[in-house]
Amino acid sequence: MTDFETRQLDNGDFEVGEENLFREDGIHDVSAIVEERDARYGSFANVATTSRWFKKTLKDALDKNPMFAQLDRTTQDVILEGYGMVLHKLARAVNGDLLYHDNPLDMEGYSQLVRKHIGKQYVEDHLHGKT
């Protein structure tokens, strides 16, 4: 069974990957999830500190970029949230299991979402002669 599979056991419990993260009544066992995440990503406090630093650095850089101020609000939001999520996933990776295969995949996914949006924006701007 991979990290992504969930199955119901004979006793009615559910299993995700190798660990059972559900109670007998089918409700997530939050403490088991928190323990699993701490083991994989490092302490929440360390991840939060790293993530906030990364995101503050991103925001400071964007605030100094005159092009960012000219973008429409949706594109600004997509850039901030998409790159912010990449940085959050990076914070988890550098504070925890550096070899966890899902970390780069998550970062790639958020980057692709930003790319799709800004690609559409780029085409619209060029087709309408804005640049």
N, C-alpha and C. Protein backbone atom coordinates (compact mmCIF):
# COMPACT_ATOMS: atom_id res chain seq x y z
N MET A 1 0.84 -1.18 0.00
CA MET A 1 0.00 0.00 0.00
C MET A 1 0.89 1.25 0.00
N THR A 2 0.58 2.25 -0.82
CA THR A 2 1.37 3.47 -0.88
C THR A 2 0.82 4.51 0.09
N ASP A 3 1.54 5.64 0.23
CA ASP A 3 1.08 6.73 1.09
C ASP A 3 -0.27 7.27 0.67
N PHE A 4 -0.66 7.06 -0.60
CA PHE A 4 -1.85 7.69 -1.13
C PHE A 4 -3.09 6.81 -1.03
N GLU A 5 -2.92 5.55 -0.67
CA GLU A 5 -4.03 4.63 -0.63
C GLU A 5 -4.67 4.59 0.75
N THR A 6 -5.97 4.42 0.78
CA THR A 6 -6.72 4.24 2.01
C THR A 6 -7.53 2.97 1.85
N ARG A 7 -7.59 2.16 2.88
CA ARG A 7 -8.41 0.96 2.80
C ARG A 7 -9.06 0.70 4.15
N GLN A 8 -10.20 0.02 4.11
CA GLN A 8 -10.90 -0.33 5.33
C GLN A 8 -10.44 -1.71 5.77
N LEU A 9 -10.09 -1.82 7.05
CA LEU A 9 -9.64 -3.08 7.61
C LEU A 9 -10.84 -3.93 8.02
N ASP A 10 -10.61 -5.21 8.30
CA ASP A 10 -11.69 -6.12 8.70
C ASP A 10 -12.41 -5.65 9.96
N ASN A 11 -11.69 -4.97 10.86
CA ASN A 11 -12.31 -4.51 12.10
C ASN A 11 -13.05 -3.19 11.93
N GLY A 12 -13.12 -2.66 10.72
CA GLY A 12 -13.85 -1.42 10.46
C GLY A 12 -12.99 -0.18 10.48
N ASP A 13 -11.75 -0.29 11.01
CA ASP A 13 -10.84 0.85 11.00
C ASP A 13 -10.38 1.12 9.57
N PHE A 14 -9.83 2.30 9.34
CA PHE A 14 -9.27 2.65 8.05
C PHE A 14 -7.77 2.78 8.20
N GLU A 15 -7.07 2.44 7.14
CA GLU A 15 -5.61 2.53 7.14
C GLU A 15 -5.18 3.41 5.98
N VAL A 16 -4.27 4.34 6.26
CA VAL A 16 -3.70 5.20 5.23
C VAL A 16 -2.21 4.88 5.19
N GLY A 17 -1.72 4.46 4.04
CA GLY A 17 -0.31 4.07 3.97
C GLY A 17 -0.06 2.93 4.94
N GLU A 18 0.98 3.06 5.74
CA GLU A 18 1.33 2.04 6.71
C GLU A 18 0.73 2.32 8.09
N GLU A 19 0.19 3.53 8.30
CA GLU A 19 -0.29 3.90 9.62
C GLU A 19 -1.79 4.05 9.66
N ASN A 20 -2.39 3.64 10.75
CA ASN A 20 -3.82 3.81 10.94
C ASN A 20 -4.05 5.20 11.53
N LEU A 21 -4.69 6.10 10.77
CA LEU A 21 -4.92 7.46 11.21
C LEU A 21 -6.39 7.73 11.51
N PHE A 22 -7.19 6.66 11.61
CA PHE A 22 -8.60 6.79 11.89
C PHE A 22 -8.95 5.99 13.14
N ARG A 23 -9.87 6.52 13.92
CA ARG A 23 -10.37 5.78 15.07
C ARG A 23 -11.38 4.76 14.58
N GLU A 24 -11.82 3.91 15.49
CA GLU A 24 -12.78 2.86 15.15
C GLU A 24 -14.08 3.43 14.58
N ASP A 25 -14.47 4.64 15.05
CA ASP A 25 -15.73 5.23 14.57
C ASP A 25 -15.57 5.95 13.23
N GLY A 26 -14.40 5.84 12.60
CA GLY A 26 -14.19 6.43 11.28
C GLY A 26 -13.74 7.88 11.31
N ILE A 27 -13.58 8.45 12.49
CA ILE A 27 -13.14 9.83 12.63
C ILE A 27 -11.61 9.85 12.64
N HIS A 28 -11.05 10.88 11.99
CA HIS A 28 -9.59 11.03 12.01
C HIS A 28 -9.08 11.08 13.45
N ASP A 29 -8.02 10.36 13.71
CA ASP A 29 -7.33 10.46 15.00
C ASP A 29 -6.32 11.59 14.86
N VAL A 30 -6.72 12.78 15.28
CA VAL A 30 -5.92 13.99 15.07
C VAL A 30 -4.54 13.86 15.70
N SER A 31 -4.47 13.29 16.89
CA SER A 31 -3.15 13.18 17.54
C SER A 31 -2.23 12.26 16.74
N ALA A 32 -2.76 11.22 16.12
CA ALA A 32 -1.93 10.34 15.28
C ALA A 32 -1.46 11.10 14.04
N ILE A 33 -2.33 11.92 13.47
CA ILE A 33 -1.96 12.71 12.29
C ILE A 33 -0.87 13.70 12.65
N VAL A 34 -1.02 14.39 13.78
CA VAL A 34 -0.03 15.37 14.22
C VAL A 34 1.32 14.69 14.48
N GLU A 35 1.30 13.55 15.13
CA GLU A 35 2.54 12.81 15.36
C GLU A 35 3.22 12.41 14.05
N GLU A 36 2.41 11.92 13.10
CA GLU A 36 2.95 11.51 11.81
C GLU A 36 3.55 12.70 11.09
N ARG A 37 2.88 13.85 11.11
CA ARG A 37 3.38 15.04 10.43
C ARG A 37 4.65 15.57 11.12
N ASP A 38 4.68 15.55 12.45
CA ASP A 38 5.90 15.98 13.17
C ASP A 38 7.08 15.10 12.77
N ALA A 39 6.84 13.80 12.65
CA ALA A 39 7.92 12.88 12.29
C ALA A 39 8.39 13.13 10.86
N ARG A 40 7.46 13.44 9.97
CA ARG A 40 7.81 13.62 8.56
C ARG A 40 8.36 15.01 8.28
N TYR A 41 7.79 16.07 8.88
CA TYR A 41 8.12 17.44 8.51
C TYR A 41 8.87 18.22 9.57
N GLY A 42 9.07 17.67 10.74
CA GLY A 42 9.67 18.42 11.83
C GLY A 42 8.58 19.10 12.64
N SER A 43 8.99 19.77 13.69
CA SER A 43 7.99 20.38 14.57
C SER A 43 7.21 21.48 13.86
N PHE A 44 5.96 21.61 14.23
CA PHE A 44 5.12 22.64 13.63
C PHE A 44 5.72 24.03 13.86
N ALA A 45 6.27 24.27 15.04
CA ALA A 45 6.86 25.58 15.34
C ALA A 45 8.03 25.89 14.40
N ASN A 46 8.89 24.91 14.16
CA ASN A 46 10.02 25.14 13.25
C ASN A 46 9.56 25.38 11.82
N VAL A 47 8.58 24.60 11.38
CA VAL A 47 8.05 24.78 10.03
C VAL A 47 7.40 26.16 9.92
N ALA A 48 6.63 26.54 10.93
CA ALA A 48 5.95 27.84 10.91
C ALA A 48 6.96 28.99 10.83
N THR A 49 8.00 28.92 11.62
CA THR A 49 9.02 29.97 11.62
C THR A 49 9.70 30.07 10.26
N THR A 50 10.09 28.93 9.71
CA THR A 50 10.75 28.91 8.41
C THR A 50 9.82 29.40 7.32
N SER A 51 8.58 28.93 7.33
CA SER A 51 7.60 29.30 6.32
C SER A 51 7.30 30.80 6.37
N ARG A 52 7.11 31.34 7.54
CA ARG A 52 6.82 32.77 7.67
C ARG A 52 8.00 33.60 7.17
N TRP A 53 9.22 33.16 7.46
CA TRP A 53 10.40 33.89 6.98
C TRP A 53 10.46 33.87 5.46
N PHE A 54 10.25 32.68 4.88
CA PHE A 54 10.24 32.56 3.41
C PHE A 54 9.19 33.49 2.81
N LYS A 55 7.97 33.45 3.37
CA LYS A 55 6.86 34.23 2.81
C LYS A 55 7.06 35.73 2.99
N LYS A 56 7.65 36.14 4.10
CA LYS A 56 7.95 37.56 4.31
C LYS A 56 8.97 38.03 3.28
N THR A 57 9.98 37.20 3.03
CA THR A 57 10.99 37.52 2.03
C THR A 57 10.35 37.66 0.65
N LEU A 58 9.44 36.74 0.32
CA LEU A 58 8.72 36.82 -0.95
C LEU A 58 7.93 38.11 -1.05
N LYS A 59 7.17 38.44 -0.02
CA LYS A 59 6.34 39.65 -0.04
C LYS A 59 7.20 40.90 -0.13
N ASP A 60 8.29 40.96 0.61
CA ASP A 60 9.19 42.11 0.55
C ASP A 60 9.75 42.29 -0.86
N ALA A 61 10.13 41.19 -1.50
CA ALA A 61 10.67 41.27 -2.87
C ALA A 61 9.60 41.73 -3.84
N LEU A 62 8.39 41.20 -3.72
CA LEU A 62 7.31 41.59 -4.62
C LEU A 62 6.92 43.07 -4.43
N ASP A 63 6.95 43.52 -3.19
CA ASP A 63 6.64 44.94 -2.92
C ASP A 63 7.64 45.88 -3.58
N LYS A 64 8.86 45.41 -3.81
CA LYS A 64 9.89 46.23 -4.45
C LYS A 64 9.87 46.10 -5.98
N ASN A 65 9.07 45.19 -6.49
CA ASN A 65 9.01 44.94 -7.93
C ASN A 65 7.88 45.77 -8.53
N PRO A 66 8.18 46.81 -9.32
CA PRO A 66 7.12 47.66 -9.87
C PRO A 66 6.13 46.90 -10.77
N MET A 67 6.56 45.82 -11.38
CA MET A 67 5.66 45.04 -12.22
C MET A 67 4.53 44.41 -11.41
N PHE A 68 4.84 43.98 -10.18
CA PHE A 68 3.83 43.33 -9.34
C PHE A 68 2.67 44.28 -9.06
N ALA A 69 2.96 45.53 -8.81
CA ALA A 69 1.91 46.51 -8.51
C ALA A 69 1.00 46.75 -9.72
N GLN A 70 1.49 46.50 -10.91
CA GLN A 70 0.70 46.72 -12.14
C GLN A 70 -0.20 45.54 -12.49
N LEU A 71 0.00 44.42 -11.83
CA LEU A 71 -0.81 43.23 -12.13
C LEU A 71 -2.21 43.38 -11.53
N ASP A 72 -3.19 42.72 -12.15
CA ASP A 72 -4.53 42.73 -11.57
C ASP A 72 -4.53 41.95 -10.26
N ARG A 73 -5.53 42.20 -9.45
CA ARG A 73 -5.58 41.63 -8.09
C ARG A 73 -5.56 40.10 -8.11
N THR A 74 -6.28 39.50 -9.05
CA THR A 74 -6.32 38.03 -9.11
C THR A 74 -4.93 37.46 -9.39
N THR A 75 -4.21 38.07 -10.32
CA THR A 75 -2.86 37.58 -10.64
C THR A 75 -1.93 37.78 -9.46
N GLN A 76 -2.06 38.91 -8.77
CA GLN A 76 -1.26 39.11 -7.55
C GLN A 76 -1.57 38.02 -6.52
N ASP A 77 -2.85 37.72 -6.34
CA ASP A 77 -3.25 36.69 -5.37
C ASP A 77 -2.70 35.32 -5.78
N VAL A 78 -2.80 35.00 -7.07
CA VAL A 78 -2.29 33.71 -7.56
C VAL A 78 -0.79 33.60 -7.31
N ILE A 79 -0.06 34.67 -7.59
CA ILE A 79 1.39 34.65 -7.38
C ILE A 79 1.72 34.52 -5.89
N LEU A 80 1.07 35.33 -5.06
CA LEU A 80 1.34 35.26 -3.62
C LEU A 80 0.98 33.91 -3.03
N GLU A 81 -0.20 33.41 -3.37
CA GLU A 81 -0.65 32.14 -2.78
C GLU A 81 0.11 30.96 -3.37
N GLY A 82 0.30 30.94 -4.68
CA GLY A 82 1.00 29.83 -5.32
C GLY A 82 2.45 29.72 -4.87
N TYR A 83 3.16 30.83 -4.96
CA TYR A 83 4.56 30.82 -4.51
C TYR A 83 4.64 30.64 -3.00
N GLY A 84 3.65 31.19 -2.29
CA GLY A 84 3.59 31.00 -0.83
C GLY A 84 3.44 29.53 -0.46
N MET A 85 2.61 28.80 -1.21
CA MET A 85 2.45 27.37 -0.95
C MET A 85 3.72 26.60 -1.29
N VAL A 86 4.41 26.99 -2.35
CA VAL A 86 5.69 26.37 -2.67
C VAL A 86 6.65 26.58 -1.50
N LEU A 87 6.68 27.79 -0.97
CA LEU A 87 7.57 28.08 0.16
C LEU A 87 7.16 27.33 1.42
N HIS A 88 5.86 27.18 1.64
CA HIS A 88 5.38 26.40 2.79
C HIS A 88 5.84 24.94 2.66
N LYS A 89 5.67 24.38 1.47
CA LYS A 89 6.11 23.00 1.24
C LYS A 89 7.62 22.87 1.37
N LEU A 90 8.35 23.89 0.92
CA LEU A 90 9.80 23.90 1.07
C LEU A 90 10.18 23.95 2.55
N ALA A 91 9.47 24.76 3.33
CA ALA A 91 9.74 24.83 4.77
C ALA A 91 9.55 23.47 5.43
N ARG A 92 8.51 22.76 5.02
CA ARG A 92 8.29 21.41 5.56
C ARG A 92 9.45 20.49 5.17
N ALA A 93 9.87 20.57 3.92
CA ALA A 93 10.93 19.69 3.44
C ALA A 93 12.24 19.93 4.16
N VAL A 94 12.63 21.19 4.32
CA VAL A 94 13.95 21.47 4.91
C VAL A 94 13.98 21.25 6.42
N ASN A 95 12.81 21.18 7.05
CA ASN A 95 12.75 20.92 8.49
C ASN A 95 12.51 19.45 8.82
N GLY A 96 12.25 18.64 7.80
CA GLY A 96 11.89 17.25 8.06
C GLY A 96 12.63 16.28 7.17
N ASP A 97 11.87 15.35 6.64
CA ASP A 97 12.43 14.28 5.81
C ASP A 97 12.80 14.83 4.44
N LEU A 98 14.07 15.06 4.24
CA LEU A 98 14.57 15.65 2.99
C LEU A 98 14.34 14.75 1.78
N LEU A 99 14.12 13.48 2.01
CA LEU A 99 13.95 12.53 0.92
C LEU A 99 12.50 12.13 0.68
N TYR A 100 11.56 12.77 1.37
CA TYR A 100 10.14 12.41 1.17
C TYR A 100 9.73 12.82 -0.23
N HIS A 101 9.36 11.82 -1.02
CA HIS A 101 9.11 12.00 -2.45
C HIS A 101 7.96 12.93 -2.79
N ASP A 102 7.05 13.13 -1.88
CA ASP A 102 5.88 13.95 -2.16
C ASP A 102 6.17 15.46 -2.09
N ASN A 103 7.23 15.85 -1.37
CA ASN A 103 7.54 17.28 -1.23
C ASN A 103 7.78 17.97 -2.56
N PRO A 104 8.71 17.49 -3.40
CA PRO A 104 8.92 18.18 -4.67
C PRO A 104 7.70 18.10 -5.59
N LEU A 105 6.94 17.03 -5.49
CA LEU A 105 5.74 16.90 -6.30
C LEU A 105 4.72 17.98 -5.93
N ASP A 106 4.54 18.21 -4.63
CA ASP A 106 3.63 19.29 -4.18
C ASP A 106 4.11 20.65 -4.68
N MET A 107 5.41 20.90 -4.56
CA MET A 107 5.94 22.19 -5.01
C MET A 107 5.75 22.36 -6.52
N GLU A 108 5.96 21.29 -7.25
CA GLU A 108 5.77 21.32 -8.70
C GLU A 108 4.30 21.59 -9.04
N GLY A 109 3.40 21.01 -8.28
CA GLY A 109 1.98 21.21 -8.53
C GLY A 109 1.56 22.66 -8.35
N TYR A 110 2.00 23.28 -7.26
CA TYR A 110 1.66 24.69 -7.04
C TYR A 110 2.33 25.59 -8.08
N SER A 111 3.55 25.27 -8.46
CA SER A 111 4.23 26.05 -9.51
C SER A 111 3.47 25.95 -10.83
N GLN A 112 2.96 24.77 -11.11
CA GLN A 112 2.21 24.58 -12.36
C GLN A 112 0.91 25.40 -12.34
N LEU A 113 0.25 25.50 -11.19
CA LEU A 113 -0.96 26.32 -11.09
C LEU A 113 -0.65 27.80 -11.37
N VAL A 114 0.45 28.29 -10.82
CA VAL A 114 0.86 29.67 -11.09
C VAL A 114 1.17 29.82 -12.58
N ARG A 115 1.91 28.87 -13.10
CA ARG A 115 2.30 28.93 -14.51
C ARG A 115 1.09 28.98 -15.43
N LYS A 116 0.08 28.18 -15.14
CA LYS A 116 -1.13 28.18 -15.98
C LYS A 116 -1.80 29.56 -15.95
N HIS A 117 -1.90 30.14 -14.76
CA HIS A 117 -2.56 31.44 -14.65
C HIS A 117 -1.76 32.54 -15.34
N ILE A 118 -0.47 32.61 -15.05
CA ILE A 118 0.31 33.70 -15.65
C ILE A 118 0.51 33.48 -17.14
N GLY A 119 0.48 32.23 -17.59
CA GLY A 119 0.54 31.96 -19.02
C GLY A 119 -0.68 32.52 -19.72
N LYS A 120 -1.86 32.33 -19.15
CA LYS A 120 -3.09 32.90 -19.72
C LYS A 120 -3.00 34.42 -19.72
N GLN A 121 -2.52 34.99 -18.63
CA GLN A 121 -2.40 36.45 -18.51
C GLN A 121 -1.44 36.99 -19.56
N TYR A 122 -0.33 36.29 -19.75
CA TYR A 122 0.68 36.71 -20.72
C TYR A 122 0.10 36.72 -22.13
N VAL A 123 -0.61 35.66 -22.48
CA VAL A 123 -1.22 35.56 -23.82
C VAL A 123 -2.26 36.67 -24.00
N GLU A 124 -3.11 36.85 -22.99
CA GLU A 124 -4.13 37.92 -23.09
C GLU A 124 -3.50 39.28 -23.28
N ASP A 125 -2.46 39.59 -22.52
CA ASP A 125 -1.80 40.88 -22.62
C ASP A 125 -1.19 41.07 -24.00
N HIS A 126 -0.55 40.05 -24.54
CA HIS A 126 0.10 40.17 -25.83
C HIS A 126 -0.90 40.20 -27.00
N LEU A 127 -1.98 39.44 -26.86
CA LEU A 127 -3.00 39.46 -27.91
C LEU A 127 -3.76 40.78 -27.94
N HIS A 128 -3.86 41.42 -26.78
CA HIS A 128 -4.59 42.68 -26.70
C HIS A 128 -3.65 43.88 -26.76
N GLY A 129 -2.39 43.63 -27.04
CA GLY A 129 -1.43 44.71 -27.26
C GLY A 129 -1.06 45.52 -26.04
N LYS A 130 -1.18 44.93 -24.82
CA LYS A 130 -0.84 45.67 -23.62
C LYS A 130 0.68 45.81 -23.43
N THR A 131 1.45 44.90 -24.04
CA THR A 131 2.91 44.99 -23.89
C THR A 131 3.60 45.12 -25.22
